[in-house]
PDB file of N, CA and C in Angstrom:
ATOM      1  N   MET A   1      78.029  -8.860 110.403  1.00  0.00           N
ATOM      2  CA  MET A   1      78.361  -7.441 110.631  1.00  0.00           C
ATOM      3  C   MET A   1      77.133  -6.583 110.354  1.00  0.00           C
ATOM      4  N   ALA A   2      76.732  -5.823 111.332  1.00  0.00           N
ATOM      5  CA  ALA A   2      75.546  -4.979 111.190  1.00  0.00           C
ATOM      6  C   ALA A   2      75.871  -3.761 110.334  1.00  0.00           C
ATOM      7  N   CYS A   3      74.885  -3.332 109.616  1.00  0.00           N
ATOM      8  CA  CYS A   3      75.046  -2.112 108.832  1.00  0.00           C
ATOM      9  C   CYS A   3      75.094  -0.928 109.797  1.00  0.00           C
ATOM     10  N   VAL A   4      75.910   0.059 109.513  1.00  0.00           N
ATOM     11  CA  VAL A   4      76.073   1.198 110.416  1.00  0.00           C
ATOM     12  C   VAL A   4      74.754   1.915 110.655  1.00  0.00           C
ATOM     13  N   THR A   5      73.904   1.969 109.648  1.00  0.00           N
ATOM     14  CA  THR A   5      72.629   2.669 109.785  1.00  0.00           C
ATOM     15  C   THR A   5      71.699   1.953 110.758  1.00  0.00           C
ATOM     16  N   ASP A   6      71.948   0.659 111.024  1.00  0.00           N
ATOM     17  CA  ASP A   6      71.111  -0.092 111.952  1.00  0.00           C
ATOM     18  C   ASP A   6      71.503   0.148 113.408  1.00  0.00           C
ATOM     19  N   LEU A   7      72.650   0.743 113.622  1.00  0.00           N
ATOM     20  CA  LEU A   7      73.152   0.935 114.976  1.00  0.00           C
ATOM     21  C   LEU A   7      72.788   2.304 115.522  1.00  0.00           C
ATOM     22  N   ASN A   8      72.400   2.318 116.805  1.00  0.00           N
ATOM     23  CA  ASN A   8      72.239   3.611 117.465  1.00  0.00           C
ATOM     24  C   ASN A   8      73.581   3.977 118.087  1.00  0.00           C
ATOM     25  N   ASN A   9      73.680   5.133 118.713  1.00  0.00           N
ATOM     26  CA  ASN A   9      74.965   5.585 119.256  1.00  0.00           C
ATOM     27  C   ASN A   9      75.532   4.624 120.278  1.00  0.00           C
ATOM     28  N   GLU A  10      74.675   4.060 121.117  1.00  0.00           N
ATOM     29  CA  GLU A  10      75.136   3.146 122.159  1.00  0.00           C
ATOM     30  C   GLU A  10      75.789   1.915 121.541  1.00  0.00           C
ATOM     31  N   SER A  11      75.148   1.362 120.530  1.00  0.00           N
ATOM     32  CA  SER A  11      75.687   0.185 119.854  1.00  0.00           C
ATOM     33  C   SER A  11      77.004   0.516 119.167  1.00  0.00           C
ATOM     34  N   LEU A  12      77.087   1.703 118.622  1.00  0.00           N
ATOM     35  CA  LEU A  12      78.289   2.130 117.913  1.00  0.00           C
ATOM     36  C   LEU A  12      79.464   2.232 118.880  1.00  0.00           C
ATOM     37  N   VAL A  13      79.217   2.796 120.059  1.00  0.00           N
ATOM     38  CA  VAL A  13      80.259   2.908 121.086  1.00  0.00           C
ATOM     39  C   VAL A  13      80.671   1.526 121.556  1.00  0.00           C
ATOM     40  N   GLU A  14      79.684   0.651 121.747  1.00  0.00           N
ATOM     41  CA  GLU A  14      79.944  -0.711 122.194  1.00  0.00           C
ATOM     42  C   GLU A  14      80.803  -1.444 121.165  1.00  0.00           C
ATOM     43  N   PHE A  15      80.444  -1.281 119.902  1.00  0.00           N
ATOM     44  CA  PHE A  15      81.191  -1.915 118.815  1.00  0.00           C
ATOM     45  C   PHE A  15      82.624  -1.399 118.774  1.00  0.00           C
ATOM     46  N   ALA A  16      82.789  -0.097 118.918  1.00  0.00           N
ATOM     47  CA  ALA A  16      84.120   0.507 118.897  1.00  0.00           C
ATOM     48  C   ALA A  16      84.967  -0.023 120.050  1.00  0.00           C
ATOM     49  N   ALA A  17      84.352  -0.181 121.223  1.00  0.00           N
ATOM     50  CA  ALA A  17      85.062  -0.696 122.391  1.00  0.00           C
ATOM     51  C   ALA A  17      85.494  -2.137 122.158  1.00  0.00           C
ATOM     52  N   GLU A  18      84.603  -2.943 121.584  1.00  0.00           N
ATOM     53  CA  GLU A  18      84.927  -4.339 121.294  1.00  0.00           C
ATOM     54  C   GLU A  18      86.049  -4.414 120.269  1.00  0.00           C
ATOM     55  N   GLU A  19      85.973  -3.559 119.263  1.00  0.00           N
ATOM     56  CA  GLU A  19      86.987  -3.515 118.208  1.00  0.00           C
ATOM     57  C   GLU A  19      88.347  -3.172 118.813  1.00  0.00           C
ATOM     58  N   HIS A  20      88.364  -2.187 119.708  1.00  0.00           N
ATOM     59  CA  HIS A  20      89.605  -1.769 120.358  1.00  0.00           C
ATOM     60  C   HIS A  20      90.157  -2.907 121.216  1.00  0.00           C
ATOM     61  N   GLY A  21      89.272  -3.543 121.976  1.00  0.00           N
ATOM     62  CA  GLY A  21      89.691  -4.656 122.827  1.00  0.00           C
ATOM     63  C   GLY A  21      90.264  -5.792 122.017  1.00  0.00           C
ATOM     64  N   PHE A  22      89.653  -6.052 120.877  1.00  0.00           N
ATOM     65  CA  PHE A  22      90.113  -7.124 120.005  1.00  0.00           C
ATOM     66  C   PHE A  22      91.512  -6.818 119.466  1.00  0.00           C
ATOM     67  N   LYS A  23      91.728  -5.566 119.081  1.00  0.00           N
ATOM     68  CA  LYS A  23      93.039  -5.167 118.563  1.00  0.00           C
ATOM     69  C   LYS A  23      94.107  -5.280 119.644  1.00  0.00           C
ATOM     70  N   GLU A  24      93.752  -4.892 120.877  1.00  0.00           N
ATOM     71  CA  GLU A  24      94.690  -5.008 121.993  1.00  0.00           C
ATOM     72  C   GLU A  24      95.065  -6.460 122.220  1.00  0.00           C
ATOM     73  N   LEU A  25      94.041  -7.317 122.207  1.00  0.00           N
ATOM     74  CA  LEU A  25      94.247  -8.749 122.419  1.00  0.00           C
ATOM     75  C   LEU A  25      95.138  -9.325 121.324  1.00  0.00           C
ATOM     76  N   LEU A  26      94.837  -8.958 120.096  1.00  0.00           N
ATOM     77  CA  LEU A  26      95.607  -9.440 118.954  1.00  0.00           C
ATOM     78  C   LEU A  26      97.066  -9.002 119.084  1.00  0.00           C
ATOM     79  N   SER A  27      97.266  -7.768 119.500  1.00  0.00           N
ATOM     80  CA  SER A  27      98.610  -7.231 119.682  1.00  0.00           C
ATOM     81  C   SER A  27      99.375  -8.036 120.726  1.00  0.00           C
ATOM     82  N   GLU A  28      98.721  -8.357 121.848  1.00  0.00           N
ATOM     83  CA  GLU A  28      99.355  -9.140 122.907  1.00  0.00           C
ATOM     84  C   GLU A  28      99.723 -10.531 122.416  1.00  0.00           C
ATOM     85  N   VAL A  29      98.806 -11.150 121.684  1.00  0.00           N
ATOM     86  CA  VAL A  29      99.052 -12.493 121.160  1.00  0.00           C
ATOM     87  C   VAL A  29     100.235 -12.480 120.194  1.00  0.00           C
ATOM     88  N   MET A  30     100.293 -11.450 119.357  1.00  0.00           N
ATOM     89  CA  MET A  30     101.386 -11.343 118.399  1.00  0.00           C
ATOM     90  C   MET A  30     102.722 -11.197 119.121  1.00  0.00           C
ATOM     91  N   LYS A  31     102.738 -10.387 120.188  1.00  0.00           N
ATOM     92  CA  LYS A  31     103.957 -10.189 120.969  1.00  0.00           C
ATOM     93  C   LYS A  31     104.401 -11.491 121.613  1.00  0.00           C
ATOM     94  N   MET A  32     103.443 -12.234 122.168  1.00  0.00           N
ATOM     95  CA  MET A  32     103.748 -13.509 122.809  1.00  0.00           C
ATOM     96  C   MET A  32     104.313 -14.490 121.789  1.00  0.00           C
ATOM     97  N   ASN A  33     103.660 -14.584 120.633  1.00  0.00           N
ATOM     98  CA  ASN A  33     104.114 -15.496 119.581  1.00  0.00           C
ATOM     99  C   ASN A  33     105.506 -15.105 119.097  1.00  0.00           C
ATOM    100  N   TYR A  34     105.752 -13.822 118.973  1.00  0.00           N
ATOM    101  CA  TYR A  34     107.049 -13.332 118.515  1.00  0.00           C
ATOM    102  C   TYR A  34     108.129 -13.695 119.530  1.00  0.00           C
ATOM    103  N   GLY A  35     107.815 -13.506 120.822  1.00  0.00           N
ATOM    104  CA  GLY A  35     108.760 -13.850 121.879  1.00  0.00           C
ATOM    105  C   GLY A  35     109.067 -15.334 121.879  1.00  0.00           C
ATOM    106  N   ALA A  36     108.044 -16.160 121.737  1.00  0.00           N
ATOM    107  CA  ALA A  36     108.213 -17.612 121.713  1.00  0.00           C
ATOM    108  C   ALA A  36     109.033 -18.014 120.492  1.00  0.00           C
ATOM    109  N   PHE A  37     108.785 -17.368 119.374  1.00  0.00           N
ATOM    110  CA  PHE A  37     109.510 -17.655 118.133  1.00  0.00           C
ATOM    111  C   PHE A  37     110.990 -17.308 118.293  1.00  0.00           C
ATOM    112  N   GLN A  38     111.267 -16.155 118.897  1.00  0.00           N
ATOM    113  CA  GLN A  38     112.651 -15.741 119.130  1.00  0.00           C
ATOM    114  C   GLN A  38     113.364 -16.751 120.022  1.00  0.00           C
ATOM    115  N   ASN A  39     112.712 -17.171 121.102  1.00  0.00           N
ATOM    116  CA  ASN A  39     113.307 -18.140 122.020  1.00  0.00           C
ATOM    117  C   ASN A  39     113.612 -19.440 121.302  1.00  0.00           C
ATOM    118  N   TYR A  40     112.703 -19.849 120.444  1.00  0.00           N
ATOM    119  CA  TYR A  40     112.871 -21.097 119.701  1.00  0.00           C
ATOM    120  C   TYR A  40     114.073 -21.000 118.757  1.00  0.00           C
ATOM    121  N   VAL A  41     114.199 -19.869 118.078  1.00  0.00           N
ATOM    122  CA  VAL A  41     115.287 -19.667 117.118  1.00  0.00           C
ATOM    123  C   VAL A  41     116.631 -19.585 117.841  1.00  0.00           C
ATOM    124  N   ILE A  42     116.669 -18.870 118.962  1.00  0.00           N
ATOM    125  CA  ILE A  42     117.917 -18.698 119.718  1.00  0.00           C
ATOM    126  C   ILE A  42     118.347 -20.030 120.334  1.00  0.00           C
ATOM    127  N   ALA A  43     117.397 -20.789 120.865  1.00  0.00           N
ATOM    128  CA  ALA A  43     117.685 -22.084 121.484  1.00  0.00           C
ATOM    129  C   ALA A  43     117.981 -23.118 120.435  1.00  0.00           C
TER     130      ALA A  43
END
């Protein structure tokens, strides 16, 4: 993890975008796992 002072504005925006994308991905994976878990429990 880079120190914030080492980043210029472009890097900071890029990092924020990656962070957001990662959270979105994680959210989707959690939803999928939850759905699969529900199906398993119901079945």
